[in-house]
PDB file of N, CA and C in Angstrom:
ATOM      1  N   CYS A   1       2.196  -9.748 -23.787  1.00  0.00           N
ATOM      2  CA  CYS A   1       3.119  -9.981 -22.314  1.00  0.00           C
ATOM      3  C   CYS A   1       2.779 -11.489 -23.022  1.00  0.00           C
ATOM      4  N   TRP A   2       1.510 -12.364 -23.894  1.00  0.00           N
ATOM      5  CA  TRP A   2       2.220 -13.232 -24.173  1.00  0.00           C
ATOM      6  C   TRP A   2       3.494 -14.277 -25.040  1.00  0.00           C
ATOM      7  N   LYS A   3       2.909 -13.392 -25.790  1.00  0.00           N
ATOM      8  CA  LYS A   3       3.938 -13.251 -26.690  1.00  0.00           C
ATOM      9  C   LYS A   3       5.174 -13.420 -26.576  1.00  0.00           C
ATOM     10  N   LEU A   4       5.598 -12.199 -25.856  1.00  0.00           N
ATOM     11  CA  LEU A   4       6.910 -11.996 -25.307  1.00  0.00           C
ATOM     12  C   LEU A   4       7.683 -12.988 -24.095  1.00  0.00           C
ATOM     13  N   TYR A   5       6.342 -13.484 -23.267  1.00  0.00           N
ATOM     14  CA  TYR A   5       7.162 -14.721 -22.685  1.00  0.00           C
ATOM     15  C   TYR A   5       6.515 -15.265 -22.384  1.00  0.00           C
ATOM     16  N   GLY A   6       5.315 -16.112 -23.496  1.00  0.00           N
ATOM     17  CA  GLY A   6       4.810 -16.875 -22.886  1.00  0.00           C
ATOM     18  C   GLY A   6       4.146 -17.511 -22.173  1.00  0.00           C
ATOM     19  N   THR A   7       2.883 -18.062 -22.445  1.00  0.00           N
ATOM     20  CA  THR A   7       1.882 -18.395 -21.059  1.00  0.00           C
ATOM     21  C   THR A   7       2.645 -18.367 -19.855  1.00  0.00           C
ATOM     22  N   GLU A   8       3.629 -19.688 -19.612  1.00  0.00           N
ATOM     23  CA  GLU A   8       4.504 -19.458 -18.531  1.00  0.00           C
ATOM     24  C   GLU A   8       4.744 -18.553 -17.914  1.00  0.00           C
ATOM     25  N   GLY A   9       5.497 -17.822 -18.582  1.00  0.00           N
ATOM     26  CA  GLY A   9       7.054 -16.765 -18.527  1.00  0.00           C
ATOM     27  C   GLY A   9       5.843 -15.981 -17.385  1.00  0.00           C
ATOM     28  N   PHE A  10       4.156 -15.336 -18.475  1.00  0.00           N
ATOM     29  CA  PHE A  10       3.288 -14.361 -18.166  1.00  0.00           C
ATOM     30  C   PHE A  10       2.824 -14.655 -16.240  1.00  0.00           C
ATOM     31  N   ALA A  11       2.598 -16.354 -16.381  1.00  0.00           N
ATOM     32  CA  ALA A  11       1.475 -16.615 -15.100  1.00  0.00           C
ATOM     33  C   ALA A  11       2.767 -16.680 -13.930  1.00  0.00           C
ATOM     34  N   ALA A  12       3.927 -16.798 -14.321  1.00  0.00           N
ATOM     35  CA  ALA A  12       5.183 -16.883 -13.422  1.00  0.00           C
ATOM     36  C   ALA A  12       5.590 -14.954 -12.702  1.00  0.00           C
ATOM     37  N   MET A  13       5.405 -14.552 -13.675  1.00  0.00           N
ATOM     38  CA  MET A  13       5.056 -13.321 -13.177  1.00  0.00           C
ATOM     39  C   MET A  13       4.039 -12.363 -12.454  1.00  0.00           C
ATOM     40  N   VAL A  14       3.002 -12.700 -12.833  1.00  0.00           N
ATOM     41  CA  VAL A  14       1.605 -12.646 -12.017  1.00  0.00           C
ATOM     42  C   VAL A  14       1.954 -13.475 -10.668  1.00  0.00           C
ATOM     43  N   GLU A  15       2.629 -14.128 -10.551  1.00  0.00           N
ATOM     44  CA  GLU A  15       2.863 -14.679  -9.892  1.00  0.00           C
ATOM     45  C   GLU A  15       3.925 -14.206  -8.392  1.00  0.00           C
ATOM     46  N   ARG A  16       4.662 -13.892  -8.922  1.00  0.00           N
ATOM     47  CA  ARG A  16       6.235 -13.164  -8.572  1.00  0.00           C
ATOM     48  C   ARG A  16       4.838 -11.841  -7.886  1.00  0.00           C
ATOM     49  N   GLN A  17       4.322 -10.805  -8.580  1.00  0.00           N
ATOM     50  CA  GLN A  17       3.224  -9.840  -8.388  1.00  0.00           C
ATOM     51  C   GLN A  17       2.717 -10.397  -6.878  1.00  0.00           C
ATOM     52  N   CYS A  18       1.824 -11.335  -6.865  1.00  0.00           N
ATOM     53  CA  CYS A  18       0.622 -11.669  -5.438  1.00  0.00           C
ATOM     54  C   CYS A  18       1.826 -12.243  -4.374  1.00  0.00           C
ATOM     55  N   GLU A  19       2.604 -12.472  -5.042  1.00  0.00           N
ATOM     56  CA  GLU A  19       3.798 -13.223  -3.522  1.00  0.00           C
ATOM     57  C   GLU A  19       4.424 -12.063  -2.888  1.00  0.00           C
ATOM     58  N   LEU A  20       4.514 -10.994  -3.149  1.00  0.00           N
ATOM     59  CA  LEU A  20       5.410  -9.542  -3.297  1.00  0.00           C
ATOM     60  C   LEU A  20       4.252  -8.747  -2.583  1.00  0.00           C
ATOM     61  N   ALA A  21       3.375  -8.973  -3.507  1.00  0.00           N
ATOM     62  CA  ALA A  21       2.033  -8.282  -2.598  1.00  0.00           C
ATOM     63  C   ALA A  21       1.171  -8.920  -0.869  1.00  0.00           C
ATOM     64  N   ARG A  22       1.699 -10.585  -0.934  1.00  0.00           N
ATOM     65  CA  ARG A  22       2.088 -10.683   0.191  1.00  0.00           C
ATOM     66  C   ARG A  22       3.027 -10.477   1.219  1.00  0.00           C
ATOM     67  N   ASN A  23       4.307 -10.647   1.129  1.00  0.00           N
ATOM     68  CA  ASN A  23       4.879  -9.499   1.253  1.00  0.00           C
ATOM     69  C   ASN A  23       5.294  -8.043   1.798  1.00  0.00           C
ATOM     70  N   PHE A  24       4.658  -6.855   1.222  1.00  0.00           N
ATOM     71  CA  PHE A  24       4.450  -6.196   1.601  1.00  0.00           C
ATOM     72  C   PHE A  24       2.917  -5.612   2.202  1.00  0.00           C
ATOM     73  N   HIS A  25       2.488  -6.994   2.561  1.00  0.00           N
ATOM     74  CA  HIS A  25       1.373  -7.192   2.878  1.00  0.00           C
ATOM     75  C   HIS A  25       2.240  -7.585   4.928  1.00  0.00           C
ATOM     76  N   ASP A  26       3.016  -8.401   5.155  1.00  0.00           N
ATOM     77  CA  ASP A  26       3.523  -8.466   5.698  1.00  0.00           C
ATOM     78  C   ASP A  26       4.418  -7.475   6.812  1.00  0.00           C
ATOM     79  N   MET A  27       5.336  -6.519   6.205  1.00  0.00           N
ATOM     80  CA  MET A  27       5.934  -5.473   6.386  1.00  0.00           C
ATOM     81  C   MET A  27       4.593  -4.582   6.987  1.00  0.00           C
ATOM     82  N   ILE A  28       3.850  -4.234   6.808  1.00  0.00           N
ATOM     83  CA  ILE A  28       2.553  -3.180   6.848  1.00  0.00           C
ATOM     84  C   ILE A  28       2.272  -3.783   8.097  1.00  0.00           C
ATOM     85  N   VAL A  29       2.030  -5.139   8.528  1.00  0.00           N
ATOM     86  CA  VAL A  29       0.972  -5.279   9.319  1.00  0.00           C
ATOM     87  C   VAL A  29       2.107  -5.118  11.015  1.00  0.00           C
ATOM     88  N   ARG A  30       3.851  -5.087  10.702  1.00  0.00           N
ATOM     89  CA  ARG A  30       4.947  -5.949  11.499  1.00  0.00           C
ATOM     90  C   ARG A  30       4.648  -4.083  11.737  1.00  0.00           C
ATOM     91  N   GLY A  31       4.493  -3.085  10.949  1.00  0.00           N
ATOM     92  CA  GLY A  31       5.233  -1.706  11.143  1.00  0.00           C
ATOM     93  C   GLY A  31       3.888  -1.153  12.126  1.00  0.00           C
ATOM     94  N   PRO A  32       5.034   0.376  13.013  1.00  0.00           N
ATOM     95  CA  PRO A  32       4.313   0.685  14.220  1.00  0.00           C
ATOM     96  C   PRO A  32       3.031   1.159  13.488  1.00  0.00           C
ATOM     97  N   GLY A  33       1.863   1.750  13.772  1.00  0.00           N
ATOM     98  CA  GLY A  33       1.138   2.940  13.286  1.00  0.00           C
ATOM     99  C   GLY A  33       0.407   2.454  12.013  1.00  0.00           C
ATOM    100  N   PHE A  34       0.880   1.078  11.294  1.00  0.00           N
ATOM    101  CA  PHE A  34       0.020   0.638  10.507  1.00  0.00           C
ATOM    102  C   PHE A  34      -0.577  -0.268  10.512  1.00  0.00           C
ATOM    103  N   ASP A  35      -1.710  -0.557   9.387  1.00  0.00           N
ATOM    104  CA  ASP A  35      -2.728  -1.143   9.917  1.00  0.00           C
ATOM    105  C   ASP A  35      -3.409  -1.637   7.674  1.00  0.00           C
ATOM    106  N   SER A  36      -3.315  -2.626   7.974  1.00  0.00           N
ATOM    107  CA  SER A  36      -4.539  -3.641   6.777  1.00  0.00           C
ATOM    108  C   SER A  36      -5.292  -4.095   6.740  1.00  0.00           C
ATOM    109  N   PRO A  37      -6.930  -3.792   6.443  1.00  0.00           N
ATOM    110  CA  PRO A  37      -7.700  -4.339   6.561  1.00  0.00           C
ATOM    111  C   PRO A  37      -7.615  -5.965   6.199  1.00  0.00           C
ATOM    112  N   MET A  38      -7.334  -6.575   5.883  1.00  0.00           N
ATOM    113  CA  MET A  38      -7.396  -7.656   4.966  1.00  0.00           C
ATOM    114  C   MET A  38      -5.841  -8.290   4.728  1.00  0.00           C
ATOM    115  N   GLU A  39      -5.633  -9.337   4.165  1.00  0.00           N
ATOM    116  CA  GLU A  39      -3.932 -10.101   3.166  1.00  0.00           C
ATOM    117  C   GLU A  39      -4.734  -9.776   1.748  1.00  0.00           C
ATOM    118  N   PRO A  40      -3.485  -9.545   0.867  1.00  0.00           N
ATOM    119  CA  PRO A  40      -4.051  -9.336  -0.534  1.00  0.00           C
ATOM    120  C   PRO A  40      -4.599 -11.145  -0.511  1.00  0.00           C
ATOM    121  N   GLU A  41      -5.605 -10.885  -1.829  1.00  0.00           N
ATOM    122  CA  GLU A  41      -5.550 -12.325  -2.301  1.00  0.00           C
ATOM    123  C   GLU A  41      -5.063 -12.581  -3.805  1.00  0.00           C
ATOM    124  N   ALA A  42      -4.440 -11.440  -3.704  1.00  0.00           N
ATOM    125  CA  ALA A  42      -3.809 -10.814  -5.500  1.00  0.00           C
ATOM    126  C   ALA A  42      -3.275  -9.447  -4.936  1.00  0.00           C
ATOM    127  N   ASN A  43      -2.388  -8.913  -6.290  1.00  0.00           N
ATOM    128  CA  ASN A  43      -1.903  -8.329  -6.081  1.00  0.00           C
ATOM    129  C   ASN A  43      -1.874  -6.455  -5.794  1.00  0.00           C
ATOM    130  N   ILE A  44      -3.062  -6.575  -5.168  1.00  0.00           N
ATOM    131  CA  ILE A  44      -3.375  -4.948  -4.372  1.00  0.00           C
ATOM    132  C   ILE A  44      -3.829  -4.885  -2.948  1.00  0.00           C
ATOM    133  N   VAL A  45      -3.175  -4.276  -2.427  1.00  0.00           N
ATOM    134  CA  VAL A  45      -2.610  -3.975  -0.649  1.00  0.00           C
ATOM    135  C   VAL A  45      -3.663  -2.807  -0.334  1.00  0.00           C
ATOM    136  N   CYS A  46      -3.891  -2.451   0.559  1.00  0.00           N
ATOM    137  CA  CYS A  46      -4.569  -2.112   0.737  1.00  0.00           C
ATOM    138  C   CYS A  46      -3.944  -1.456   2.717  1.00  0.00           C
ATOM    139  N   PHE A  47      -3.761  -0.091   2.650  1.00  0.00           N
ATOM    140  CA  PHE A  47      -2.734  -0.035   4.167  1.00  0.00           C
ATOM    141  C   PHE A  47      -3.493   1.364   4.744  1.00  0.00           C
ATOM    142  N   ARG A  48      -3.283   1.504   5.816  1.00  0.00           N
ATOM    143  CA  ARG A  48      -3.148   3.229   6.345  1.00  0.00           C
ATOM    144  C   ARG A  48      -2.161   3.487   7.328  1.00  0.00           C
ATOM    145  N   TYR A  49      -1.587   5.041   7.781  1.00  0.00           N
ATOM    146  CA  TYR A  49      -0.499   4.830   8.321  1.00  0.00           C
ATOM    147  C   TYR A  49      -1.643   5.201   9.514  1.00  0.00           C
ATOM    148  N   HIS A  50      -1.662   5.589  10.874  1.00  0.00           N
ATOM    149  CA  HIS A  50      -1.902   6.397  11.816  1.00  0.00           C
ATOM    150  C   HIS A  50      -1.054   6.806  12.981  1.00  0.00           C
ATOM    151  N   PRO A  51      -0.331   8.260  12.826  1.00  0.00           N
ATOM    152  CA  PRO A  51       1.093   8.046  13.607  1.00  0.00           C
ATOM    153  C   PRO A  51       0.464   8.245  15.064  1.00  0.00           C
ATOM    154  N   PRO A  52       1.130   7.438  15.997  1.00  0.00           N
ATOM    155  CA  PRO A  52       1.229   6.680  17.087  1.00  0.00           C
ATOM    156  C   PRO A  52       1.242   7.765  17.915  1.00  0.00           C
ATOM    157  N   GLY A  53      -0.040   7.788  19.533  1.00  0.00           N
ATOM    158  CA  GLY A  53      -0.174   8.882  19.984  1.00  0.00           C
ATOM    159  C   GLY A  53      -0.603  10.388  19.398  1.00  0.00           C
ATOM    160  N   LYS A  54      -1.148  10.718  18.655  1.00  0.00           N
ATOM    161  CA  LYS A  54      -1.897  11.810  17.710  1.00  0.00           C
ATOM    162  C   LYS A  54      -3.569  11.012  17.686  1.00  0.00           C
ATOM    163  N   PRO A  55      -4.068  11.919  17.599  1.00  0.00           N
ATOM    164  CA  PRO A  55      -6.216  12.037  17.751  1.00  0.00           C
ATOM    165  C   PRO A  55      -6.251  11.312  15.878  1.00  0.00           C
ATOM    166  N   GLU A  56      -7.018  10.913  15.427  1.00  0.00           N
ATOM    167  CA  GLU A  56      -7.333  10.264  14.479  1.00  0.00           C
ATOM    168  C   GLU A  56      -7.706  11.413  13.382  1.00  0.00           C
ATOM    169  N   ASP A  57      -7.028  11.330  12.209  1.00  0.00           N
ATOM    170  CA  ASP A  57      -7.834  12.686  11.300  1.00  0.00           C
ATOM    171  C   ASP A  57      -7.876  11.892  10.188  1.00  0.00           C
ATOM    172  N   PRO A  58      -9.383  12.261   9.860  1.00  0.00           N
ATOM    173  CA  PRO A  58      -9.663  11.639   8.837  1.00  0.00           C
ATOM    174  C   PRO A  58      -9.435  11.698   7.589  1.00  0.00           C
ATOM    175  N   GLY A  59      -8.547  13.143   7.192  1.00  0.00           N
ATOM    176  CA  GLY A  59      -8.348  12.856   5.448  1.00  0.00           C
ATOM    177  C   GLY A  59      -7.013  13.406   5.783  1.00  0.00           C
ATOM    178  N   LEU A  60      -6.514  12.564   6.646  1.00  0.00           N
ATOM    179  CA  LEU A  60      -4.907  12.410   6.565  1.00  0.00           C
ATOM    180  C   LEU A  60      -4.150  11.520   5.512  1.00  0.00           C
ATOM    181  N   MET A  61      -4.759  10.489   5.116  1.00  0.00           N
ATOM    182  CA  MET A  61      -4.656   9.699   4.022  1.00  0.00           C
ATOM    183  C   MET A  61      -5.141  10.373   2.978  1.00  0.00           C
ATOM    184  N   ASP A  62      -5.924  10.619   2.803  1.00  0.00           N
ATOM    185  CA  ASP A  62      -5.882  11.607   1.541  1.00  0.00           C
ATOM    186  C   ASP A  62      -4.679  13.073   1.396  1.00  0.00           C
ATOM    187  N   ARG A  63      -4.321  13.682   2.659  1.00  0.00           N
ATOM    188  CA  ARG A  63      -3.355  14.192   2.148  1.00  0.00           C
ATOM    189  C   ARG A  63      -1.983  13.698   1.994  1.00  0.00           C
ATOM    190  N   VAL A  64      -1.737  12.836   2.581  1.00  0.00           N
ATOM    191  CA  VAL A  64      -0.563  12.010   2.574  1.00  0.00           C
ATOM    192  C   VAL A  64      -0.444  11.694   1.049  1.00  0.00           C
ATOM    193  N   ARG A  65      -1.594  11.219   0.053  1.00  0.00           N
ATOM    194  CA  ARG A  65      -1.715  10.144  -0.787  1.00  0.00           C
ATOM    195  C   ARG A  65      -1.233  11.579  -1.625  1.00  0.00           C
ATOM    196  N   GLU A  66      -2.228  13.185  -1.536  1.00  0.00           N
ATOM    197  CA  GLU A  66      -2.097  13.848  -2.594  1.00  0.00           C
ATOM    198  C   GLU A  66       0.266  14.140  -3.164  1.00  0.00           C
ATOM    199  N   GLU A  67       0.028  13.844  -1.509  1.00  0.00           N
ATOM    200  CA  GLU A  67       2.040  14.487  -1.153  1.00  0.00           C
ATOM    201  C   GLU A  67       2.808  13.670  -2.386  1.00  0.00           C
ATOM    202  N   LEU A  68       2.015  12.200  -1.878  1.00  0.00           N
ATOM    203  CA  LEU A  68       3.366  11.641  -2.335  1.00  0.00           C
ATOM    204  C   LEU A  68       3.264  11.456  -3.986  1.00  0.00           C
ATOM    205  N   ILE A  69       2.258  11.657  -4.225  1.00  0.00           N
ATOM    206  CA  ILE A  69       2.135  11.693  -5.878  1.00  0.00           C
ATOM    207  C   ILE A  69       2.630  13.110  -6.612  1.00  0.00           C
ATOM    208  N   SER A  70       2.624  14.115  -6.412  1.00  0.00           N
ATOM    209  CA  SER A  70       2.880  14.912  -6.316  1.00  0.00           C
ATOM    210  C   SER A  70       4.572  15.234  -6.012  1.00  0.00           C
ATOM    211  N   GLY A  71       5.032  14.444  -5.202  1.00  0.00           N
ATOM    212  CA  GLY A  71       6.589  13.957  -4.964  1.00  0.00           C
ATOM    213  C   GLY A  71       7.511  13.590  -6.571  1.00  0.00           C
ATOM    214  N   GLY A  72       6.343  12.654  -7.012  1.00  0.00           N
ATOM    215  CA  GLY A  72       6.468  12.057  -8.557  1.00  0.00           C
ATOM    216  C   GLY A  72       7.756  10.442  -7.837  1.00  0.00           C
ATOM    217  N   ARG A  73       7.505  10.198  -6.966  1.00  0.00           N
ATOM    218  CA  ARG A  73       8.232   9.037  -6.652  1.00  0.00           C
ATOM    219  C   ARG A  73       7.608   7.708  -5.851  1.00  0.00           C
ATOM    220  N   PHE A  74       6.282   7.745  -5.913  1.00  0.00           N
ATOM    221  CA  PHE A  74       5.148   7.277  -5.960  1.00  0.00           C
ATOM    222  C   PHE A  74       3.977   7.525  -6.042  1.00  0.00           C
ATOM    223  N   TYR A  75       3.503   5.931  -6.476  1.00  0.00           N
ATOM    224  CA  TYR A  75       2.059   6.729  -7.033  1.00  0.00           C
ATOM    225  C   TYR A  75       0.548   5.395  -6.462  1.00  0.00           C
ATOM    226  N   VAL A  76      -0.043   5.548  -5.647  1.00  0.00           N
ATOM    227  CA  VAL A  76      -0.695   5.198  -4.772  1.00  0.00           C
ATOM    228  C   VAL A  76      -2.365   5.421  -4.955  1.00  0.00           C
ATOM    229  N   THR A  77      -3.121   4.976  -5.151  1.00  0.00           N
ATOM    230  CA  THR A  77      -4.595   5.238  -5.509  1.00  0.00           C
ATOM    231  C   THR A  77      -5.350   5.167  -3.654  1.00  0.00           C
ATOM    232  N   ARG A  78      -6.840   5.455  -3.616  1.00  0.00           N
ATOM    233  CA  ARG A  78      -7.719   5.287  -2.279  1.00  0.00           C
ATOM    234  C   ARG A  78      -8.761   4.826  -2.479  1.00  0.00           C
ATOM    235  N   THR A  79      -8.983   4.084  -1.271  1.00  0.00           N
ATOM    236  CA  THR A  79     -10.456   3.758  -1.719  1.00  0.00           C
ATOM    237  C   THR A  79     -11.101   3.764  -0.137  1.00  0.00           C
ATOM    238  N   VAL A  80     -12.575   3.876   0.557  1.00  0.00           N
ATOM    239  CA  VAL A  80     -13.211   3.850   0.940  1.00  0.00           C
ATOM    240  C   VAL A  80     -13.547   2.604   1.885  1.00  0.00           C
ATOM    241  N   LEU A  81     -13.710   1.999   2.881  1.00  0.00           N
ATOM    242  CA  LEU A  81     -13.601   1.066   3.230  1.00  0.00           C
ATOM    243  C   LEU A  81     -15.026   0.963   4.212  1.00  0.00           C
ATOM    244  N   PRO A  82     -16.254   0.343   4.152  1.00  0.00           N
ATOM    245  CA  PRO A  82     -16.875   0.523   5.466  1.00  0.00           C
ATOM    246  C   PRO A  82     -16.761   0.248   6.538  1.00  0.00           C
ATOM    247  N   ALA A  83     -17.475   0.767   7.264  1.00  0.00           N
ATOM    248  CA  ALA A  83     -17.243  -0.068   9.296  1.00  0.00           C
ATOM    249  C   ALA A  83     -17.903  -0.835   8.741  1.00  0.00           C
ATOM    250  N   VAL A  84     -16.536  -1.370   9.669  1.00  0.00           N
ATOM    251  CA  VAL A  84     -17.439  -2.871  10.336  1.00  0.00           C
ATOM    252  C   VAL A  84     -17.069  -3.285  11.144  1.00  0.00           C
ATOM    253  N   PRO A  85     -17.973  -4.079  12.682  1.00  0.00           N
ATOM    254  CA  PRO A  85     -17.565  -4.188  14.089  1.00  0.00           C
ATOM    255  C   PRO A  85     -15.523  -3.887  14.749  1.00  0.00           C
ATOM    256  N   GLY A  86     -15.461  -3.631  14.989  1.00  0.00           N
ATOM    257  CA  GLY A  86     -14.404  -2.641  15.448  1.00  0.00           C
ATOM    258  C   GLY A  86     -13.312  -2.413  14.373  1.00  0.00           C
ATOM    259  N   ARG A  87     -14.268  -1.344  13.597  1.00  0.00           N
ATOM    260  CA  ARG A  87     -13.146  -0.448  12.622  1.00  0.00           C
ATOM    261  C   ARG A  87     -14.120   0.608  11.915  1.00  0.00           C
ATOM    262  N   PRO A  88     -13.706   2.033  12.253  1.00  0.00           N
ATOM    263  CA  PRO A  88     -14.934   2.511  11.533  1.00  0.00           C
ATOM    264  C   PRO A  88     -14.688   2.812   9.811  1.00  0.00           C
ATOM    265  N   SER A  89     -15.519   3.611   9.144  1.00  0.00           N
ATOM    266  CA  SER A  89     -15.082   3.581   7.288  1.00  0.00           C
ATOM    267  C   SER A  89     -14.073   4.358   7.882  1.00  0.00           C
ATOM    268  N   ALA A  90     -13.677   4.526   6.612  1.00  0.00           N
ATOM    269  CA  ALA A  90     -12.242   5.145   6.071  1.00  0.00           C
ATOM    270  C   ALA A  90     -11.568   5.302   4.805  1.00  0.00           C
ATOM    271  N   VAL A  91     -10.422   6.250   4.857  1.00  0.00           N
ATOM    272  CA  VAL A  91     -10.110   6.221   3.420  1.00  0.00           C
ATOM    273  C   VAL A  91      -8.817   5.248   3.809  1.00  0.00           C
ATOM    274  N   TRP A  92      -8.582   4.387   2.680  1.00  0.00           N
ATOM    275  CA  TRP A  92      -7.359   3.806   2.484  1.00  0.00           C
ATOM    276  C   TRP A  92      -5.898   3.984   1.349  1.00  0.00           C
ATOM    277  N   LEU A  93      -5.243   3.632   1.429  1.00  0.00           N
ATOM    278  CA  LEU A  93      -3.958   3.687   0.180  1.00  0.00           C
ATOM    279  C   LEU A  93      -4.189   2.190  -0.154  1.00  0.00           C
ATOM    280  N   ARG A  94      -4.685   2.430  -1.602  1.00  0.00           N
ATOM    281  CA  ARG A  94      -4.364   1.337  -2.150  1.00  0.00           C
ATOM    282  C   ARG A  94      -3.135   1.524  -2.763  1.00  0.00           C
ATOM    283  N   SER A  95      -1.689   0.066  -2.867  1.00  0.00           N
ATOM    284  CA  SER A  95      -0.878  -0.609  -3.982  1.00  0.00           C
ATOM    285  C   SER A  95      -1.343  -1.456  -4.572  1.00  0.00           C
ATOM    286  N   ALA A  96      -1.715  -1.448  -6.184  1.00  0.00           N
ATOM    287  CA  ALA A  96      -1.559  -2.183  -6.822  1.00  0.00           C
ATOM    288  C   ALA A  96      -0.162  -2.969  -7.620  1.00  0.00           C
ATOM    289  N   LEU A  97       0.071  -4.390  -7.096  1.00  0.00           N
ATOM    290  CA  LEU A  97       2.050  -4.293  -7.871  1.00  0.00           C
ATOM    291  C   LEU A  97       1.691  -5.050  -9.023  1.00  0.00           C
ATOM    292  N   MET A  98       2.091  -3.191 -10.004  1.00  0.00           N
ATOM    293  CA  MET A  98       2.320  -4.407 -11.620  1.00  0.00           C
ATOM    294  C   MET A  98       3.521  -4.617 -12.278  1.00  0.00           C
ATOM    295  N   ASN A  99       4.124  -3.490 -11.447  1.00  0.00           N
ATOM    296  CA  ASN A  99       5.520  -2.967 -12.061  1.00  0.00           C
ATOM    297  C   ASN A  99       6.549  -4.206 -12.106  1.00  0.00           C
ATOM    298  N   PRO A 100       6.939  -5.378 -12.750  1.00  0.00           N
ATOM    299  CA  PRO A 100       7.760  -6.510 -12.720  1.00  0.00           C
ATOM    300  C   PRO A 100       9.083  -5.858 -12.161  1.00  0.00           C
ATOM    301  N   SER A 101       9.527  -4.694 -12.084  1.00  0.00           N
ATOM    302  CA  SER A 101      10.914  -4.284 -11.468  1.00  0.00           C
ATOM    303  C   SER A 101      10.844  -3.864 -10.146  1.00  0.00           C
ATOM    304  N   ILE A 102       9.070  -3.700  -9.451  1.00  0.00           N
ATOM    305  CA  ILE A 102       9.230  -3.640  -8.368  1.00  0.00           C
ATOM    306  C   ILE A 102       9.833  -4.119  -7.163  1.00  0.00           C
ATOM    307  N   ARG A 103      10.927  -3.965  -6.238  1.00  0.00           N
ATOM    308  CA  ARG A 103      11.788  -4.879  -4.881  1.00  0.00           C
ATOM    309  C   ARG A 103      10.872  -4.546  -3.846  1.00  0.00           C
ATOM    310  N   GLU A 104      10.973  -5.403  -2.712  1.00  0.00           N
ATOM    311  CA  GLU A 104      10.990  -5.040  -0.999  1.00  0.00           C
ATOM    312  C   GLU A 104      11.468  -3.681  -1.082  1.00  0.00           C
ATOM    313  N   GLU A 105      12.717  -3.983  -1.232  1.00  0.00           N
ATOM    314  CA  GLU A 105      13.444  -2.606  -1.032  1.00  0.00           C
ATOM    315  C   GLU A 105      12.374  -1.171  -1.979  1.00  0.00           C
ATOM    316  N   ASN A 106      11.429  -1.341  -2.677  1.00  0.00           N
ATOM    317  CA  ASN A 106      10.681   0.301  -2.705  1.00  0.00           C
ATOM    318  C   ASN A 106       9.516   0.291  -2.028  1.00  0.00           C
ATOM    319  N   LEU A 107       9.335  -1.041  -1.672  1.00  0.00           N
ATOM    320  CA  LEU A 107       8.194  -1.026  -1.014  1.00  0.00           C
ATOM    321  C   LEU A 107       8.260  -0.497   0.704  1.00  0.00           C
ATOM    322  N   ARG A 108       9.667  -1.061   1.516  1.00  0.00           N
ATOM    323  CA  ARG A 108       9.920  -0.147   2.239  1.00  0.00           C
ATOM    324  C   ARG A 108      10.477   1.066   2.357  1.00  0.00           C
ATOM    325  N   GLU A 109      11.126   1.337   1.160  1.00  0.00           N
ATOM    326  CA  GLU A 109      10.560   3.236   1.089  1.00  0.00           C
ATOM    327  C   GLU A 109       9.475   3.927   1.011  1.00  0.00           C
ATOM    328  N   LEU A 110       8.503   3.217   0.092  1.00  0.00           N
ATOM    329  CA  LEU A 110       7.388   3.798  -0.022  1.00  0.00           C
ATOM    330  C   LEU A 110       6.682   3.818   1.571  1.00  0.00           C
ATOM    331  N   LEU A 111       7.169   2.755   2.517  1.00  0.00           N
ATOM    332  CA  LEU A 111       6.121   3.104   3.781  1.00  0.00           C
ATOM    333  C   LEU A 111       6.789   3.505   4.699  1.00  0.00           C
ATOM    334  N   GLY A 112       7.827   3.936   4.292  1.00  0.00           N
ATOM    335  CA  GLY A 112       8.870   5.158   5.547  1.00  0.00           C
ATOM    336  C   GLY A 112       8.330   6.449   4.779  1.00  0.00           C
ATOM    337  N   ALA A 113       8.091   6.578   3.385  1.00  0.00           N
ATOM    338  CA  ALA A 113       7.533   7.977   2.736  1.00  0.00           C
ATOM    339  C   ALA A 113       5.949   8.121   3.330  1.00  0.00           C
ATOM    340  N   VAL A 114       5.557   6.995   4.016  1.00  0.00           N
ATOM    341  CA  VAL A 114       4.501   7.474   4.203  1.00  0.00           C
ATOM    342  C   VAL A 114       4.077   7.779   5.476  1.00  0.00           C
ATOM    343  N   ARG A 115       4.648   7.258   6.544  1.00  0.00           N
ATOM    344  CA  ARG A 115       4.898   7.505   7.700  1.00  0.00           C
ATOM    345  C   ARG A 115       5.620   9.076   7.860  1.00  0.00           C
ATOM    346  N   GLU A 116       6.853   9.358   7.137  1.00  0.00           N
ATOM    347  CA  GLU A 116       7.596  10.574   7.217  1.00  0.00           C
ATOM    348  C   GLU A 116       6.499  11.702   6.836  1.00  0.00           C
ATOM    349  N   THR A 117       5.607  11.545   5.636  1.00  0.00           N
ATOM    350  CA  THR A 117       4.887  12.302   5.181  1.00  0.00           C
ATOM    351  C   THR A 117       3.414  12.887   6.584  1.00  0.00           C
ATOM    352  N   ALA A 118       2.634  11.433   6.262  1.00  0.00           N
ATOM    353  CA  ALA A 118       2.308  11.097   7.503  1.00  0.00           C
ATOM    354  C   ALA A 118       2.552  12.394   8.897  1.00  0.00           C
ATOM    355  N   ASP A 119       3.513  12.082   9.609  1.00  0.00           N
ATOM    356  CA  ASP A 119       4.045  12.644  10.754  1.00  0.00           C
ATOM    357  C   ASP A 119       3.992  14.186  11.182  1.00  0.00           C
ATOM    358  N   ARG A 120       4.757  13.903   9.465  1.00  0.00           N
ATOM    359  CA  ARG A 120       4.697  15.723   9.026  1.00  0.00           C
ATOM    360  C   ARG A 120       3.448  16.132   8.687  1.00  0.00           C
ATOM    361  N   LEU A 121       2.662  16.018   8.322  1.00  0.00           N
ATOM    362  CA  LEU A 121       1.354  16.947   8.205  1.00  0.00           C
ATOM    363  C   LEU A 121       0.321  16.378   9.086  1.00  0.00           C
ATOM    364  N   SER A 122       0.615  15.885  10.510  1.00  0.00           N
ATOM    365  CA  SER A 122      -0.105  15.712  11.185  1.00  0.00           C
ATOM    366  C   SER A 122       0.012  16.337  13.026  1.00  0.00           C
TER     367      SER A 122
END
């Protein structure tokens, strides 16, 4: 990438992805049923969705992830974050924003797909 964009161009691309991650985090924490354990420090965002009014389902995020990946439109990874006061240990979805063509519209579509899939599977 350095040869193609130069150091300044590459740095701008990285900074854009970090800003996009911060914007994605803001979308998540404003969305009903969505949660994020922390603000992103770089381009990786962790989040979960809990369908309002439904009991906690520890396997839901894994099932949602499998459906998203098998659908071929979105790819998210997973992580298990340890328990902290006020939050039990749980599976969280992870999105690493790497592709420079990603737009906020794509991230809104991802959240919509997570919500729709979780609501259907819960």
